């Protein structure tokens, strides 16, 4: 999934990737694990797909218990997951048209 998303961004401009990491547990340990997972995704995108690091923003890391409906996801992903959101500014293209 990361490879597919990164390939589509290769020649794009005016975007930011927002990452949110989620891990099972509570408190600082869960937040630290969330940070590690998000950092792994950042490292993969930068090193394997040459996504500029300034285009990636890690936001609101928290433990998986914050959103109870996602507990199934946590079990499937071995205790955690990273959500990826693409934020794109199309203002320039709309002005040029």
PDB file of N, CA and C in Angstrom:
ATOM      1  N   UNK A   1       0.818  -1.191   0.000  1.00  0.00           N
ATOM      2  CA  UNK A   1       0.000   0.000   0.000  1.00  0.00           C
ATOM      3  C   UNK A   1       0.868   1.263   0.000  1.00  0.00           C
ATOM      4  N   UNK A   2       1.932   1.244   0.790  1.00  0.00           N
ATOM      5  CA  UNK A   2       2.838   2.399   0.817  1.00  0.00           C
ATOM      6  C   UNK A   2       3.514   2.598  -0.532  1.00  0.00           C
ATOM      7  N   UNK A   3       3.908   1.500  -1.158  1.00  0.00           N
ATOM      8  CA  UNK A   3       4.557   1.599  -2.466  1.00  0.00           C
ATOM      9  C   UNK A   3       3.621   2.232  -3.491  1.00  0.00           C
ATOM     10  N   UNK A   4       2.374   1.802  -3.482  1.00  0.00           N
ATOM     11  CA  UNK A   4       1.389   2.326  -4.426  1.00  0.00           C
ATOM     12  C   UNK A   4       1.158   3.823  -4.220  1.00  0.00           C
ATOM     13  N   UNK A   5       0.996   4.215  -2.960  1.00  0.00           N
ATOM     14  CA  UNK A   5       0.761   5.630  -2.654  1.00  0.00           C
ATOM     15  C   UNK A   5       1.978   6.480  -3.026  1.00  0.00           C
ATOM     16  N   UNK A   6       3.161   5.997  -2.707  1.00  0.00           N
ATOM     17  CA  UNK A   6       4.378   6.758  -2.985  1.00  0.00           C
ATOM     18  C   UNK A   6       4.619   6.902  -4.485  1.00  0.00           C
ATOM     19  N   UNK A   7       4.292   5.883  -5.255  1.00  0.00           N
ATOM     20  CA  UNK A   7       4.460   5.939  -6.702  1.00  0.00           C
ATOM     21  C   UNK A   7       3.586   7.028  -7.306  1.00  0.00           C
ATOM     22  N   UNK A   8       2.386   7.189  -6.798  1.00  0.00           N
ATOM     23  CA  UNK A   8       1.475   8.208  -7.310  1.00  0.00           C
ATOM     24  C   UNK A   8       1.947   9.620  -6.966  1.00  0.00           C
ATOM     25  N   UNK A   9       2.770   9.753  -5.942  1.00  0.00           N
ATOM     26  CA  UNK A   9       3.242  11.071  -5.509  1.00  0.00           C
ATOM     27  C   UNK A   9       4.534  11.499  -6.194  1.00  0.00           C
ATOM     28  N   UNK A  10       5.116  10.627  -6.982  1.00  0.00           N
ATOM     29  CA  UNK A  10       6.448  10.865  -7.529  1.00  0.00           C
ATOM     30  C   UNK A  10       6.603  12.230  -8.210  1.00  0.00           C
ATOM     31  N   UNK A  11       5.679  12.619  -9.056  1.00  0.00           N
ATOM     32  CA  UNK A  11       5.792  13.892  -9.780  1.00  0.00           C
ATOM     33  C   UNK A  11       4.814  14.949  -9.276  1.00  0.00           C
ATOM     34  N   UNK A  12       4.311  14.774  -8.078  1.00  0.00           N
ATOM     35  CA  UNK A  12       3.333  15.706  -7.523  1.00  0.00           C
ATOM     36  C   UNK A  12       4.030  16.811  -6.731  1.00  0.00           C
ATOM     37  N   UNK A  13       3.317  17.913  -6.576  1.00  0.00           N
ATOM     38  CA  UNK A  13       3.787  19.055  -5.789  1.00  0.00           C
ATOM     39  C   UNK A  13       2.640  19.503  -4.882  1.00  0.00           C
ATOM     40  N   UNK A  14       2.933  20.341  -3.942  1.00  0.00           N
ATOM     41  CA  UNK A  14       1.910  20.944  -3.073  1.00  0.00           C
ATOM     42  C   UNK A  14       1.133  19.919  -2.263  1.00  0.00           C
ATOM     43  N   UNK A  15       1.825  19.025  -1.604  1.00  0.00           N
ATOM     44  CA  UNK A  15       1.152  18.049  -0.750  1.00  0.00           C
ATOM     45  C   UNK A  15       1.942  17.870   0.548  1.00  0.00           C
ATOM     46  N   UNK A  16       1.249  17.364   1.543  1.00  0.00           N
ATOM     47  CA  UNK A  16       1.856  16.980   2.814  1.00  0.00           C
ATOM     48  C   UNK A  16       1.252  15.633   3.188  1.00  0.00           C
ATOM     49  N   UNK A  17       2.081  14.742   3.686  1.00  0.00           N
ATOM     50  CA  UNK A  17       1.613  13.454   4.177  1.00  0.00           C
ATOM     51  C   UNK A  17       1.526  13.555   5.688  1.00  0.00           C
ATOM     52  N   UNK A  18       0.359  13.259   6.226  1.00  0.00           N
ATOM     53  CA  UNK A  18       0.146  13.275   7.670  1.00  0.00           C
ATOM     54  C   UNK A  18       0.088  11.826   8.160  1.00  0.00           C
ATOM     55  N   UNK A  19       0.892  11.503   9.161  1.00  0.00           N
ATOM     56  CA  UNK A  19       0.912  10.159   9.730  1.00  0.00           C
ATOM     57  C   UNK A  19       0.430  10.198  11.168  1.00  0.00           C
ATOM     58  N   UNK A  20      -0.407   9.234  11.523  1.00  0.00           N
ATOM     59  CA  UNK A  20      -0.843   9.068  12.907  1.00  0.00           C
ATOM     60  C   UNK A  20      -0.575   7.627  13.303  1.00  0.00           C
ATOM     61  N   UNK A  21       0.196   7.434  14.351  1.00  0.00           N
ATOM     62  CA  UNK A  21       0.514   6.095  14.832  1.00  0.00           C
ATOM     63  C   UNK A  21      -0.379   5.708  15.997  1.00  0.00           C
ATOM     64  N   UNK A  22      -0.774   4.428  16.021  1.00  0.00           N
ATOM     65  CA  UNK A  22      -1.616   3.898  17.086  1.00  0.00           C
ATOM     66  C   UNK A  22      -1.017   2.590  17.592  1.00  0.00           C
ATOM     67  N   UNK A  23      -0.947   2.409  18.899  1.00  0.00           N
ATOM     68  CA  UNK A  23      -0.433   1.174  19.484  1.00  0.00           C
ATOM     69  C   UNK A  23      -1.335   0.766  20.638  1.00  0.00           C
ATOM     70  N   UNK A  24      -1.348  -0.519  20.903  1.00  0.00           N
ATOM     71  CA  UNK A  24      -2.122  -1.011  22.051  1.00  0.00           C
ATOM     72  C   UNK A  24      -1.460  -0.578  23.343  1.00  0.00           C
ATOM     73  N   UNK A  25      -2.261  -0.391  24.344  1.00  0.00           N
ATOM     74  CA  UNK A  25      -1.732  -0.035  25.648  1.00  0.00           C
ATOM     75  C   UNK A  25      -2.140   1.360  26.062  1.00  0.00           C
ATOM     76  N   UNK A  26      -1.567   1.778  27.166  1.00  0.00           N
ATOM     77  CA  UNK A  26      -1.903   3.090  27.726  1.00  0.00           C
ATOM     78  C   UNK A  26      -0.633   3.825  28.092  1.00  0.00           C
ATOM     79  N   UNK A  27      -0.734   5.114  28.125  1.00  0.00           N
ATOM     80  CA  UNK A  27       0.340   5.944  28.640  1.00  0.00           C
ATOM     81  C   UNK A  27       1.533   6.090  27.721  1.00  0.00           C
ATOM     82  N   UNK A  28       2.659   6.402  28.362  1.00  0.00           N
ATOM     83  CA  UNK A  28       3.870   6.739  27.621  1.00  0.00           C
ATOM     84  C   UNK A  28       4.413   5.587  26.784  1.00  0.00           C
ATOM     85  N   UNK A  29       4.280   4.345  27.252  1.00  0.00           N
ATOM     86  CA  UNK A  29       4.796   3.197  26.494  1.00  0.00           C
ATOM     87  C   UNK A  29       4.047   3.051  25.171  1.00  0.00           C
ATOM     88  N   UNK A  30       2.733   3.188  25.201  1.00  0.00           N
ATOM     89  CA  UNK A  30       1.945   3.078  23.974  1.00  0.00           C
ATOM     90  C   UNK A  30       2.258   4.228  23.021  1.00  0.00           C
ATOM     91  N   UNK A  31       2.422   5.411  23.565  1.00  0.00           N
ATOM     92  CA  UNK A  31       2.744   6.567  22.729  1.00  0.00           C
ATOM     93  C   UNK A  31       4.136   6.397  22.113  1.00  0.00           C
ATOM     94  N   UNK A  32       5.081   5.863  22.870  1.00  0.00           N
ATOM     95  CA  UNK A  32       6.428   5.612  22.338  1.00  0.00           C
ATOM     96  C   UNK A  32       6.380   4.581  21.212  1.00  0.00           C
ATOM     97  N   UNK A  33       5.578   3.523  21.373  1.00  0.00           N
ATOM     98  CA  UNK A  33       5.440   2.520  20.315  1.00  0.00           C
ATOM     99  C   UNK A  33       4.768   3.120  19.087  1.00  0.00           C
ATOM    100  N   UNK A  34       3.792   3.985  19.297  1.00  0.00           N
ATOM    101  CA  UNK A  34       3.136   4.675  18.185  1.00  0.00           C
ATOM    102  C   UNK A  34       4.149   5.515  17.417  1.00  0.00           C
ATOM    103  N   UNK A  35       4.996   6.206  18.129  1.00  0.00           N
ATOM    104  CA  UNK A  35       6.026   7.043  17.514  1.00  0.00           C
ATOM    105  C   UNK A  35       6.987   6.184  16.692  1.00  0.00           C
ATOM    106  N   UNK A  36       7.390   5.039  17.236  1.00  0.00           N
ATOM    107  CA  UNK A  36       8.313   4.152  16.519  1.00  0.00           C
ATOM    108  C   UNK A  36       7.702   3.654  15.216  1.00  0.00           C
ATOM    109  N   UNK A  37       6.417   3.287  15.259  1.00  0.00           N
ATOM    110  CA  UNK A  37       5.754   2.813  14.039  1.00  0.00           C
ATOM    111  C   UNK A  37       5.679   3.922  13.000  1.00  0.00           C
ATOM    112  N   UNK A  38       5.295   5.103  13.412  1.00  0.00           N
ATOM    113  CA  UNK A  38       5.209   6.235  12.473  1.00  0.00           C
ATOM    114  C   UNK A  38       6.592   6.576  11.918  1.00  0.00           C
ATOM    115  N   UNK A  39       7.611   6.538  12.762  1.00  0.00           N
ATOM    116  CA  UNK A  39       8.979   6.815  12.311  1.00  0.00           C
ATOM    117  C   UNK A  39       9.439   5.784  11.278  1.00  0.00           C
ATOM    118  N   UNK A  40       9.003   4.542  11.433  1.00  0.00           N
ATOM    119  CA  UNK A  40       9.349   3.499  10.456  1.00  0.00           C
ATOM    120  C   UNK A  40       8.744   3.797   9.094  1.00  0.00           C
ATOM    121  N   UNK A  41       7.508   4.288   9.099  1.00  0.00           N
ATOM    122  CA  UNK A  41       6.857   4.646   7.837  1.00  0.00           C
ATOM    123  C   UNK A  41       7.568   5.833   7.201  1.00  0.00           C
ATOM    124  N   UNK A  42       7.929   6.822   7.995  1.00  0.00           N
ATOM    125  CA  UNK A  42       8.667   7.985   7.481  1.00  0.00           C
ATOM    126  C   UNK A  42       9.973   7.515   6.840  1.00  0.00           C
ATOM    127  N   UNK A  43      10.714   6.697   7.563  1.00  0.00           N
ATOM    128  CA  UNK A  43      11.996   6.200   7.067  1.00  0.00           C
ATOM    129  C   UNK A  43      11.812   5.438   5.746  1.00  0.00           C
ATOM    130  N   UNK A  44      10.793   4.597   5.665  1.00  0.00           N
ATOM    131  CA  UNK A  44      10.528   3.817   4.447  1.00  0.00           C
ATOM    132  C   UNK A  44      10.223   4.733   3.263  1.00  0.00           C
ATOM    133  N   UNK A  45       9.352   5.710   3.478  1.00  0.00           N
ATOM    134  CA  UNK A  45       8.982   6.617   2.389  1.00  0.00           C
ATOM    135  C   UNK A  45      10.168   7.453   1.907  1.00  0.00           C
ATOM    136  N   UNK A  46      10.973   7.911   2.832  1.00  0.00           N
ATOM    137  CA  UNK A  46      12.115   8.751   2.482  1.00  0.00           C
ATOM    138  C   UNK A  46      13.211   7.931   1.800  1.00  0.00           C
ATOM    139  N   UNK A  47      13.548   6.788   2.367  1.00  0.00           N
ATOM    140  CA  UNK A  47      14.675   6.017   1.849  1.00  0.00           C
ATOM    141  C   UNK A  47      14.320   5.193   0.607  1.00  0.00           C
ATOM    142  N   UNK A  48      13.122   4.638   0.550  1.00  0.00           N
ATOM    143  CA  UNK A  48      12.772   3.751  -0.563  1.00  0.00           C
ATOM    144  C   UNK A  48      12.091   4.477  -1.714  1.00  0.00           C
ATOM    145  N   UNK A  49      11.469   5.625  -1.432  1.00  0.00           N
ATOM    146  CA  UNK A  49      10.713   6.313  -2.478  1.00  0.00           C
ATOM    147  C   UNK A  49      11.119   7.769  -2.667  1.00  0.00           C
ATOM    148  N   UNK A  50      12.156   8.195  -1.965  1.00  0.00           N
ATOM    149  CA  UNK A  50      12.680   9.562  -2.097  1.00  0.00           C
ATOM    150  C   UNK A  50      11.620  10.640  -1.874  1.00  0.00           C
ATOM    151  N   UNK A  51      10.677  10.370  -0.990  1.00  0.00           N
ATOM    152  CA  UNK A  51       9.709  11.397  -0.593  1.00  0.00           C
ATOM    153  C   UNK A  51      10.468  12.379   0.303  1.00  0.00           C
ATOM    154  N   UNK A  52      10.427  13.658   0.005  1.00  0.00           N
ATOM    155  CA  UNK A  52      11.149  14.623   0.849  1.00  0.00           C
ATOM    156  C   UNK A  52      10.607  14.607   2.285  1.00  0.00           C
ATOM    157  N   UNK A  53      11.501  14.561   3.231  1.00  0.00           N
ATOM    158  CA  UNK A  53      11.094  14.469   4.633  1.00  0.00           C
ATOM    159  C   UNK A  53      10.270  15.688   5.062  1.00  0.00           C
ATOM    160  N   UNK A  54      10.504  16.839   4.439  1.00  0.00           N
ATOM    161  CA  UNK A  54       9.730  18.025   4.803  1.00  0.00           C
ATOM    162  C   UNK A  54       8.265  17.910   4.373  1.00  0.00           C
ATOM    163  N   UNK A  55       7.933  16.946   3.548  1.00  0.00           N
ATOM    164  CA  UNK A  55       6.544  16.728   3.125  1.00  0.00           C
ATOM    165  C   UNK A  55       5.784  15.805   4.075  1.00  0.00           C
ATOM    166  N   UNK A  56       6.455  15.272   5.082  1.00  0.00           N
ATOM    167  CA  UNK A  56       5.839  14.313   5.996  1.00  0.00           C
ATOM    168  C   UNK A  56       5.721  14.939   7.373  1.00  0.00           C
ATOM    169  N   UNK A  57       4.529  14.846   7.933  1.00  0.00           N
ATOM    170  CA  UNK A  57       4.263  15.420   9.250  1.00  0.00           C
ATOM    171  C   UNK A  57       3.642  14.354  10.145  1.00  0.00           C
ATOM    172  N   UNK A  58       4.283  14.067  11.251  1.00  0.00           N
ATOM    173  CA  UNK A  58       3.741  13.114  12.218  1.00  0.00           C
ATOM    174  C   UNK A  58       2.936  13.912  13.229  1.00  0.00           C
ATOM    175  N   UNK A  59       1.655  13.574  13.318  1.00  0.00           N
ATOM    176  CA  UNK A  59       0.714  14.344  14.127  1.00  0.00           C
ATOM    177  C   UNK A  59       0.027  13.438  15.139  1.00  0.00           C
ATOM    178  N   UNK A  60      -0.358  13.956  16.264  1.00  0.00           N
ATOM    179  CA  UNK A  60      -1.249  13.312  17.228  1.00  0.00           C
ATOM    180  C   UNK A  60      -1.018  11.817  17.402  1.00  0.00           C
ATOM    181  N   UNK A  61       0.124  11.450  17.928  1.00  0.00           N
ATOM    182  CA  UNK A  61       0.358  10.048  18.244  1.00  0.00           C
ATOM    183  C   UNK A  61      -0.322   9.719  19.556  1.00  0.00           C
ATOM    184  N   UNK A  62      -0.980   8.586  19.602  1.00  0.00           N
ATOM    185  CA  UNK A  62      -1.703   8.220  20.821  1.00  0.00           C
ATOM    186  C   UNK A  62      -1.890   6.721  20.880  1.00  0.00           C
ATOM    187  N   UNK A  63      -2.379   6.243  22.005  1.00  0.00           N
ATOM    188  CA  UNK A  63      -2.583   4.804  22.129  1.00  0.00           C
ATOM    189  C   UNK A  63      -3.889   4.382  21.463  1.00  0.00           C
ATOM    190  N   UNK A  64      -3.984   3.128  21.094  1.00  0.00           N
ATOM    191  CA  UNK A  64      -5.119   2.605  20.337  1.00  0.00           C
ATOM    192  C   UNK A  64      -6.419   2.648  21.132  1.00  0.00           C
ATOM    193  N   UNK A  65      -6.344   2.721  22.434  1.00  0.00           N
ATOM    194  CA  UNK A  65      -7.562   2.722  23.238  1.00  0.00           C
ATOM    195  C   UNK A  65      -8.343   4.024  23.117  1.00  0.00           C
ATOM    196  N   UNK A  66      -7.757   5.049  22.506  1.00  0.00           N
ATOM    197  CA  UNK A  66      -8.461   6.323  22.331  1.00  0.00           C
ATOM    198  C   UNK A  66      -9.679   6.148  21.433  1.00  0.00           C
ATOM    199  N   UNK A  67      -9.598   5.268  20.442  1.00  0.00           N
ATOM    200  CA  UNK A  67     -10.685   5.054  19.500  1.00  0.00           C
ATOM    201  C   UNK A  67     -11.128   3.593  19.563  1.00  0.00           C
ATOM    202  N   UNK A  68     -12.095   3.240  20.429  1.00  0.00           N
ATOM    203  CA  UNK A  68     -12.478   1.851  20.660  1.00  0.00           C
ATOM    204  C   UNK A  68     -12.940   1.105  19.411  1.00  0.00           C
ATOM    205  N   UNK A  69     -13.497   1.771  18.425  1.00  0.00           N
ATOM    206  CA  UNK A  69     -13.988   1.077  17.233  1.00  0.00           C
ATOM    207  C   UNK A  69     -12.851   0.475  16.413  1.00  0.00           C
ATOM    208  N   UNK A  70     -11.616   0.926  16.643  1.00  0.00           N
ATOM    209  CA  UNK A  70     -10.482   0.451  15.875  1.00  0.00           C
ATOM    210  C   UNK A  70      -9.721  -0.688  16.550  1.00  0.00           C
ATOM    211  N   UNK A  71     -10.250  -1.274  17.598  1.00  0.00           N
ATOM    212  CA  UNK A  71      -9.528  -2.344  18.285  1.00  0.00           C
ATOM    213  C   UNK A  71      -9.324  -3.555  17.389  1.00  0.00           C
ATOM    214  N   UNK A  72     -10.240  -3.810  16.479  1.00  0.00           N
ATOM    215  CA  UNK A  72     -10.077  -4.918  15.544  1.00  0.00           C
ATOM    216  C   UNK A  72      -8.853  -4.682  14.672  1.00  0.00           C
ATOM    217  N   UNK A  73      -8.656  -3.461  14.212  1.00  0.00           N
ATOM    218  CA  UNK A  73      -7.483  -3.123  13.418  1.00  0.00           C
ATOM    219  C   UNK A  73      -6.204  -3.413  14.197  1.00  0.00           C
ATOM    220  N   UNK A  74      -6.185  -3.065  15.476  1.00  0.00           N
ATOM    221  CA  UNK A  74      -4.988  -3.257  16.288  1.00  0.00           C
ATOM    222  C   UNK A  74      -4.644  -4.736  16.388  1.00  0.00           C
ATOM    223  N   UNK A  75      -5.655  -5.585  16.536  1.00  0.00           N
ATOM    224  CA  UNK A  75      -5.404  -7.020  16.611  1.00  0.00           C
ATOM    225  C   UNK A  75      -4.872  -7.534  15.278  1.00  0.00           C
ATOM    226  N   UNK A  76      -5.450  -7.065  14.178  1.00  0.00           N
ATOM    227  CA  UNK A  76      -5.016  -7.514  12.861  1.00  0.00           C
ATOM    228  C   UNK A  76      -3.604  -7.065  12.538  1.00  0.00           C
ATOM    229  N   UNK A  77      -3.214  -5.917  13.015  1.00  0.00           N
ATOM    230  CA  UNK A  77      -1.909  -5.360  12.688  1.00  0.00           C
ATOM    231  C   UNK A  77      -0.851  -5.709  13.733  1.00  0.00           C
ATOM    232  N   UNK A  78      -1.129  -6.686  14.586  1.00  0.00           N
ATOM    233  CA  UNK A  78      -0.145  -7.080  15.575  1.00  0.00           C
ATOM    234  C   UNK A  78       0.020  -6.073  16.690  1.00  0.00           C
ATOM    235  N   UNK A  79      -1.014  -5.332  17.008  1.00  0.00           N
ATOM    236  CA  UNK A  79      -0.951  -4.419  18.132  1.00  0.00           C
ATOM    237  C   UNK A  79      -0.904  -2.950  17.776  1.00  0.00           C
ATOM    238  N   UNK A  80      -0.848  -2.603  16.522  1.00  0.00           N
ATOM    239  CA  UNK A  80      -0.822  -1.199  16.171  1.00  0.00           C
ATOM    240  C   UNK A  80      -0.940  -0.989  14.681  1.00  0.00           C
ATOM    241  N   UNK A  81      -1.102   0.272  14.321  1.00  0.00           N
ATOM    242  CA  UNK A  81      -1.186   0.631  12.910  1.00  0.00           C
ATOM    243  C   UNK A  81      -0.835   2.099  12.754  1.00  0.00           C
ATOM    244  N   UNK A  82      -0.595   2.480  11.515  1.00  0.00           N
ATOM    245  CA  UNK A  82      -0.313   3.875  11.183  1.00  0.00           C
ATOM    246  C   UNK A  82      -1.317   4.306  10.133  1.00  0.00           C
ATOM    247  N   UNK A  83      -2.008   5.395  10.394  1.00  0.00           N
ATOM    248  CA  UNK A  83      -2.937   5.957   9.418  1.00  0.00           C
ATOM    249  C   UNK A  83      -2.209   7.031   8.627  1.00  0.00           C
ATOM    250  N   UNK A  84      -2.480   7.043   7.327  1.00  0.00           N
ATOM    251  CA  UNK A  84      -1.824   7.993   6.426  1.00  0.00           C
ATOM    252  C   UNK A  84      -2.889   8.845   5.753  1.00  0.00           C
ATOM    253  N   UNK A  85      -2.712  10.142   5.827  1.00  0.00           N
ATOM    254  CA  UNK A  85      -3.610  11.082   5.158  1.00  0.00           C
ATOM    255  C   UNK A  85      -2.795  11.948   4.214  1.00  0.00           C
ATOM    256  N   UNK A  86      -3.292  12.109   2.999  1.00  0.00           N
ATOM    257  CA  UNK A  86      -2.645  12.976   2.034  1.00  0.00           C
ATOM    258  C   UNK A  86      -3.387  14.297   1.994  1.00  0.00           C
ATOM    259  N   UNK A  87      -2.671  15.363   2.263  1.00  0.00           N
ATOM    260  CA  UNK A  87      -3.235  16.708   2.230  1.00  0.00           C
ATOM    261  C   UNK A  87      -2.653  17.414   1.019  1.00  0.00           C
ATOM    262  N   UNK A  88      -3.504  17.828   0.099  1.00  0.00           N
ATOM    263  CA  UNK A  88      -3.039  18.426  -1.147  1.00  0.00           C
ATOM    264  C   UNK A  88      -3.636  19.809  -1.312  1.00  0.00           C
ATOM    265  N   UNK A  89      -2.796  20.751  -1.726  1.00  0.00           N
ATOM    266  CA  UNK A  89      -3.226  22.115  -1.984  1.00  0.00           C
ATOM    267  C   UNK A  89      -3.364  22.286  -3.488  1.00  0.00           C
ATOM    268  N   UNK A  90      -4.602  22.349  -3.979  1.00  0.00           N
ATOM    269  CA  UNK A  90      -4.857  22.513  -5.401  1.00  0.00           C
ATOM    270  C   UNK A  90      -5.144  23.962  -5.777  1.00  0.00           C
ATOM    271  N   UNK A  91      -4.868  24.893  -4.899  1.00  0.00           N
ATOM    272  CA  UNK A  91      -5.161  26.301  -5.158  1.00  0.00           C
ATOM    273  C   UNK A  91      -4.437  26.794  -6.401  1.00  0.00           C
ATOM    274  N   UNK A  92      -3.173  26.447  -6.564  1.00  0.00           N
ATOM    275  CA  UNK A  92      -2.415  26.920  -7.719  1.00  0.00           C
ATOM    276  C   UNK A  92      -3.003  26.427  -9.032  1.00  0.00           C
ATOM    277  N   UNK A  93      -3.368  25.147  -9.097  1.00  0.00           N
ATOM    278  CA  UNK A  93      -3.926  24.613 -10.353  1.00  0.00           C
ATOM    279  C   UNK A  93      -5.282  25.211 -10.661  1.00  0.00           C
ATOM    280  N   UNK A  94      -6.073  25.533  -9.642  1.00  0.00           N
ATOM    281  CA  UNK A  94      -7.380  26.124  -9.892  1.00  0.00           C
ATOM    282  C   UNK A  94      -7.268  27.578 -10.350  1.00  0.00           C
ATOM    283  N   UNK A  95      -6.237  28.277  -9.927  1.00  0.00           N
ATOM    284  CA  UNK A  95      -6.022  29.666 -10.344  1.00  0.00           C
ATOM    285  C   UNK A  95      -5.543  29.706 -11.793  1.00  0.00           C
ATOM    286  N   UNK A  96      -4.725  28.745 -12.198  1.00  0.00           N
ATOM    287  CA  UNK A  96      -4.154  28.717 -13.540  1.00  0.00           C
ATOM    288  C   UNK A  96      -5.180  28.326 -14.590  1.00  0.00           C
ATOM    289  N   UNK A  97      -6.233  27.626 -14.233  1.00  0.00           N
ATOM    290  CA  UNK A  97      -7.238  27.181 -15.218  1.00  0.00           C
ATOM    291  C   UNK A  97      -8.184  28.262 -15.633  1.00  0.00           C
TER     292      UNK A  97
END
